[in-house]
Protein backbone atom coordinates (compact mmCIF):
# COMPACT_ATOMS: atom_id res chain seq x y z
CA MET A 1 11.92 11.04 -0.37
CA ASN A 2 14.09 12.58 2.50
CA LYS A 3 12.82 13.35 6.09
CA ARG A 4 11.28 16.74 5.31
CA HIS A 5 9.23 15.43 2.60
CA GLN A 6 7.83 12.82 4.89
CA ILE A 7 6.83 15.92 7.42
CA ILE A 8 5.28 17.30 4.88
CA LEU A 9 3.19 15.37 3.34
CA GLU A 10 2.05 14.46 6.70
CA LEU A 11 1.20 18.39 7.02
CA ILE A 12 -0.62 18.31 4.39
CA ASN A 13 -2.44 15.81 4.75
CA ASN A 14 -3.80 16.14 8.08
CA LYS A 15 -4.81 19.72 7.69
CA LYS A 16 -6.21 18.75 3.72
CA LYS A 17 -5.17 22.05 2.36
CA ILE A 18 -1.93 24.49 3.71
CA SER A 19 -0.78 27.85 2.91
CA VAL A 20 3.07 27.84 1.55
CA ASN A 21 3.94 30.30 4.33
CA GLU A 22 2.53 28.13 6.71
CA LEU A 23 4.47 24.92 5.84
CA SER A 24 8.02 27.45 5.71
CA GLU A 25 6.94 28.01 9.57
CA LEU A 26 6.22 24.87 10.62
CA THR A 27 9.22 22.85 9.00
CA LYS A 28 11.31 26.04 9.88
CA VAL A 29 12.64 26.46 6.03
CA SER A 30 12.91 29.69 3.51
CA LEU A 31 9.99 29.46 1.39
CA VAL A 32 12.10 28.74 -1.70
CA THR A 33 13.25 25.60 -0.34
CA ILE A 34 8.74 24.78 0.36
CA ARG A 35 8.48 25.82 -3.14
CA ASN A 36 11.10 23.64 -4.45
CA ASP A 37 9.94 20.66 -1.92
CA LEU A 38 6.17 20.64 -3.22
CA SER A 39 7.64 20.98 -6.88
CA ILE A 40 9.25 17.84 -6.54
CA LEU A 41 6.27 16.32 -4.57
CA GLU A 42 4.31 17.28 -7.50
CA GLN A 43 6.30 15.64 -10.22
CA GLN A 44 5.95 12.36 -8.29
CA ASN A 45 2.20 12.83 -8.02
CA TYR A 46 1.57 13.36 -4.14
CA VAL A 47 0.61 17.00 -4.21
CA LYS A 48 -1.02 19.92 -6.36
CA ARG A 49 -0.36 23.13 -5.90
CA THR A 50 -2.40 26.02 -5.94
CA HIS A 51 -1.88 29.78 -5.40
CA GLY A 52 -0.22 30.01 -2.08
CA PHE A 53 -2.12 26.84 -1.11
CA ALA A 54 -0.46 23.02 -1.49
CA GLU A 55 -3.08 20.08 -0.95
CA ILE A 56 -3.44 16.26 -1.79
CA LEU A 57 -3.82 14.94 -5.09
CA ASP A 58 -7.41 13.73 -5.79
CA ARG A 59 -8.27 14.20 -2.13
CA ASP A 60 -11.16 11.44 -1.62
CA SER A 61 -9.50 8.59 -2.54
CA MET A 62 -5.67 9.84 -1.35
CA SER A 63 -6.83 10.54 2.21
CA GLU A 64 -6.97 6.25 2.47
CA ARG A 65 -4.04 5.74 1.18
CA MET A 66 -2.06 8.82 3.30
CA ASP A 67 -2.98 9.37 6.29
CA VAL A 68 -2.32 10.44 9.86
CA ASN A 69 0.27 7.10 10.22
CA PHE A 70 2.01 7.82 6.38
CA SER A 71 5.44 7.85 8.24
CA LEU A 72 4.74 4.42 9.21
CA LYS A 73 3.25 2.54 6.75
CA GLN A 74 6.50 4.15 5.01
CA LYS A 75 8.28 2.14 7.37
CA LEU A 76 6.78 -1.04 6.45
CA ALA A 77 6.41 -0.32 2.56
CA LYS A 78 10.52 0.13 2.62
CA TYR A 79 10.57 -3.02 4.75
CA SER A 80 8.94 -4.89 2.07
CA LEU A 81 10.85 -3.59 -0.81
CA SER A 82 14.11 -4.90 0.81
CA LEU A 83 12.49 -8.73 0.18
CA ILE A 84 11.50 -8.53 -3.23
CA ASN A 85 14.94 -9.47 -5.89
CA GLU A 86 15.53 -9.66 -8.90
CA GLY A 87 13.70 -12.03 -11.17
CA ASP A 88 10.36 -12.17 -8.76
CA SER A 89 6.82 -11.58 -10.67
CA VAL A 90 5.68 -9.32 -7.95
CA PHE A 91 1.35 -9.80 -7.40
CA ILE A 92 0.70 -5.70 -5.43
CA GLU A 93 -3.07 -5.93 -3.91
CA GLY A 94 -4.38 -2.35 -3.46
CA GLY A 95 -4.31 -0.60 0.04
CA SER A 96 -2.31 2.14 1.41
CA THR A 97 0.60 0.28 2.54
CA ASN A 98 1.20 -1.17 -1.24
CA SER A 99 0.60 2.25 -3.02
CA LEU A 100 3.30 3.40 -0.91
CA LEU A 101 5.43 -0.31 -1.95
CA ALA A 102 4.71 0.67 -4.98
CA ARG A 103 6.52 3.59 -5.26
CA GLU A 104 8.95 2.57 -3.37
CA LEU A 105 9.59 0.55 -6.59
CA LEU A 106 9.93 3.00 -8.72
CA ASN A 107 13.83 3.32 -7.15
CA PHE A 108 14.14 -0.38 -7.73
CA LYS A 109 17.07 -1.50 -9.27
CA GLY A 110 16.91 -5.00 -11.55
CA GLU A 111 14.34 -7.09 -13.69
CA ILE A 112 11.31 -7.75 -12.34
CA VAL A 113 7.82 -7.85 -12.96
CA VAL A 114 5.06 -5.76 -10.88
CA ILE A 115 1.50 -7.36 -11.51
CA THR A 116 -1.97 -5.80 -9.80
CA VAL A 117 -5.54 -5.53 -9.61
CA CYS A 118 -5.02 -1.61 -8.81
CA THR A 119 -5.14 1.15 -11.31
CA TYR A 120 -3.74 3.98 -8.97
CA ILE A 121 -1.06 1.21 -8.51
CA ALA A 122 -0.52 1.04 -12.28
CA THR A 123 -0.51 4.35 -13.01
CA LEU A 124 2.10 4.87 -10.27
CA LEU A 125 4.17 3.15 -12.02
CA ARG A 126 3.56 3.58 -15.70
CA ASP A 127 6.76 5.29 -15.65
CA ALA A 128 8.54 2.24 -14.31
CA PRO A 129 11.81 0.73 -15.52
CA PHE A 130 10.23 -2.71 -15.62
CA ASP A 131 6.94 -4.16 -17.25
CA VAL A 132 3.91 -3.41 -15.14
CA ILE A 133 1.02 -6.10 -15.86
CA LEU A 134 -2.35 -4.70 -14.56
CA PHE A 135 -5.59 -7.23 -14.93
CA GLY A 136 -9.25 -6.13 -16.57
CA GLY A 137 -12.31 -6.35 -14.32
CA LEU A 138 -15.13 -4.84 -13.31
CA LEU A 139 -13.82 -0.95 -11.67
CA GLN A 140 -14.36 -0.53 -8.41
CA ALA A 141 -13.86 3.60 -8.29
CA LYS A 142 -14.06 3.66 -4.87
CA SER A 143 -10.98 1.76 -4.29
CA GLU A 144 -9.60 1.96 -7.78
CA SER A 145 -9.73 -1.27 -8.58
CA VAL A 146 -10.38 -4.42 -11.00
CA ILE A 147 -12.97 -7.21 -9.22
CA GLY A 148 -15.30 -9.85 -11.15
CA PRO A 149 -14.72 -13.29 -13.01
CA LEU A 150 -12.79 -11.49 -15.52
CA THR A 151 -10.05 -10.58 -12.95
CA ARG A 152 -10.24 -14.12 -11.20
CA THR A 153 -9.74 -15.11 -14.62
CA CYS A 154 -6.74 -12.85 -15.31
CA ILE A 155 -5.04 -14.37 -11.86
CA ASN A 156 -6.02 -17.72 -12.81
CA GLN A 157 -3.83 -16.71 -16.34
CA THR A 158 -0.57 -15.48 -15.16
CA HIS A 159 1.84 -16.59 -12.98
CA PHE A 160 3.66 -14.89 -9.77
CA ASN A 161 6.44 -15.62 -7.23
CA LYS A 162 5.75 -12.88 -4.61
CA THR A 163 2.44 -10.96 -3.40
CA PHE A 164 2.04 -8.39 -1.03
CA LEU A 165 -2.14 -8.07 0.28
CA GLY A 166 -4.03 -5.90 2.36
CA ILE A 167 -6.45 -7.16 4.79
CA ASP A 168 -8.80 -5.19 7.04
CA GLY A 169 -8.93 -7.24 9.57
CA TYR A 170 -6.96 -9.97 11.83
CA ASN A 171 -9.01 -11.82 14.74
CA PRO A 172 -7.72 -15.35 16.44
CA ASP A 173 -10.92 -17.07 15.45
CA PHE A 174 -11.78 -16.36 12.31
CA GLY A 175 -8.58 -15.31 10.79
CA PHE A 176 -8.17 -12.55 8.77
CA THR A 177 -11.11 -10.63 7.17
CA GLY A 178 -12.07 -8.18 4.74
CA ARG A 179 -14.72 -5.86 4.28
CA ASP A 180 -15.33 -6.18 0.82
CA MET A 181 -16.71 -9.40 -0.94
CA MET A 182 -15.67 -8.65 -4.27
CA ARG A 183 -12.07 -7.63 -2.95
CA ALA A 184 -11.87 -10.27 -0.82
CA GLU A 185 -12.48 -12.83 -3.69
CA VAL A 186 -9.32 -11.17 -5.35
CA ILE A 187 -7.17 -12.04 -2.88
CA ASN A 188 -8.65 -15.42 -2.18
CA ALA A 189 -8.08 -16.42 -6.11
CA VAL A 190 -4.53 -15.12 -5.10
CA LEU A 191 -3.80 -16.79 -2.30
CA ASN A 192 -4.89 -19.94 -4.59
CA LYS A 193 -2.37 -19.44 -6.77
CA GLY A 194 0.96 -20.75 -4.30
CA ALA A 195 2.69 -17.57 -3.82
CA GLU A 196 5.29 -16.19 -1.09
CA ASN A 197 2.38 -14.49 0.93
CA PHE A 198 2.87 -10.81 2.33
CA VAL A 199 0.29 -9.68 4.31
CA ILE A 200 1.38 -6.16 4.98
CA SER A 201 -0.65 -4.18 7.73
CA ASP A 202 -0.11 -1.86 10.01
CA SER A 203 -1.33 -3.02 13.65
CA SER A 204 -4.37 -1.51 14.58
CA LYS A 205 -5.81 -3.78 12.12
CA PHE A 206 -5.48 -6.50 14.68
CA GLY A 207 -8.71 -7.55 16.33
CA LEU A 208 -10.71 -6.14 13.92
CA VAL A 209 -13.24 -8.70 12.41
CA TYR A 210 -15.26 -7.87 9.49
CA PRO A 211 -18.01 -10.01 7.28
CA TYR A 212 -15.83 -11.38 4.46
CA THR A 213 -13.08 -14.56 5.38
CA ILE A 214 -9.57 -14.43 3.56
CA ASP A 215 -8.00 -17.80 3.38
CA SER A 216 -5.90 -17.78 6.28
CA ASP A 217 -4.20 -21.27 5.82
CA LYS A 218 -2.71 -19.81 2.66
CA ILE A 219 -0.92 -17.17 4.72
CA LYS A 220 2.76 -17.19 6.17
CA GLN A 221 4.30 -14.06 6.72
CA VAL A 222 3.44 -10.52 7.82
CA ILE A 223 4.32 -7.23 7.91
CA THR A 224 3.63 -4.84 10.38
CA ASP A 225 5.01 -2.64 12.93
CA SER A 226 5.85 -3.08 16.57
CA ASP A 227 3.08 -1.86 18.62
CA ILE A 228 0.74 -5.47 17.64
CA ASN A 229 -0.68 -6.54 20.45
CA SER A 230 1.09 -9.67 22.32
CA ASN A 231 -2.20 -11.97 21.96
CA MET A 232 -2.27 -10.91 18.05
CA GLU A 233 1.14 -11.75 17.51
CA LYS A 234 1.17 -14.80 19.58
CA SER A 235 -1.95 -15.81 17.95
CA LEU A 236 -0.09 -15.24 14.22
CA LYS A 237 2.67 -16.87 15.17
CA ASN A 238 0.59 -19.70 17.01
CA LYS A 239 -0.84 -20.94 13.68
CA GLY A 240 2.78 -20.92 11.52
CA ILE A 241 3.54 -17.15 10.12
CA ILE A 242 6.18 -15.28 10.46
CA VAL A 243 5.57 -11.55 11.85
CA HIS A 244 7.73 -9.21 10.45
CA LYS A 245 7.85 -6.55 13.18
CA ILE A 246 9.06 -3.19 11.91
């Protein structure tokens, strides 16, 4: 994805629906170029086109994944991609940045296996040149992920060496937390597998507290942006967590 495509996606997401003419004016390229760009983005399942307009695909769910921090989250996703190596078995949880990591994985050259609980991510990877494993369980429509006892059974019976996890909040006193009990249970089951665990989160999550505890002792690496609060960063490092600042 080139820089103009990123700008187009941010414009569409911010306005929810935007005309081709306005996109042409704002990006200072011709209508023909914009139409070609939109055709590419539509093929990649980023947007859908109607007569003279473009809008985010499946707005209700995509708005949680591609918001105003799209460019930042894509940088985090690209960096995360650099941590994946040939032969890895990678578990990717749900969330906006993990979804962007899944898109980046489509360009991965080499043999890997990707495992996920997120139906959205599995759909993104449907044409991937590597094996994709989607766990079973109770579908949680809002998050487009599976949860519950069957999901935990799948986790317990599967092996992977790296995980990329999303969190909703971090506080020095309470550690990492989630806003959804069932998703927090899934994350804790994954953390119990003893893989190399990475939390991916933009800096806005640090300082927030949510009801459900995530086993922070098993998280040793965090990927975030350079705007993270210095006290939050110090707290993470004091807990022995490596902070990758992008």
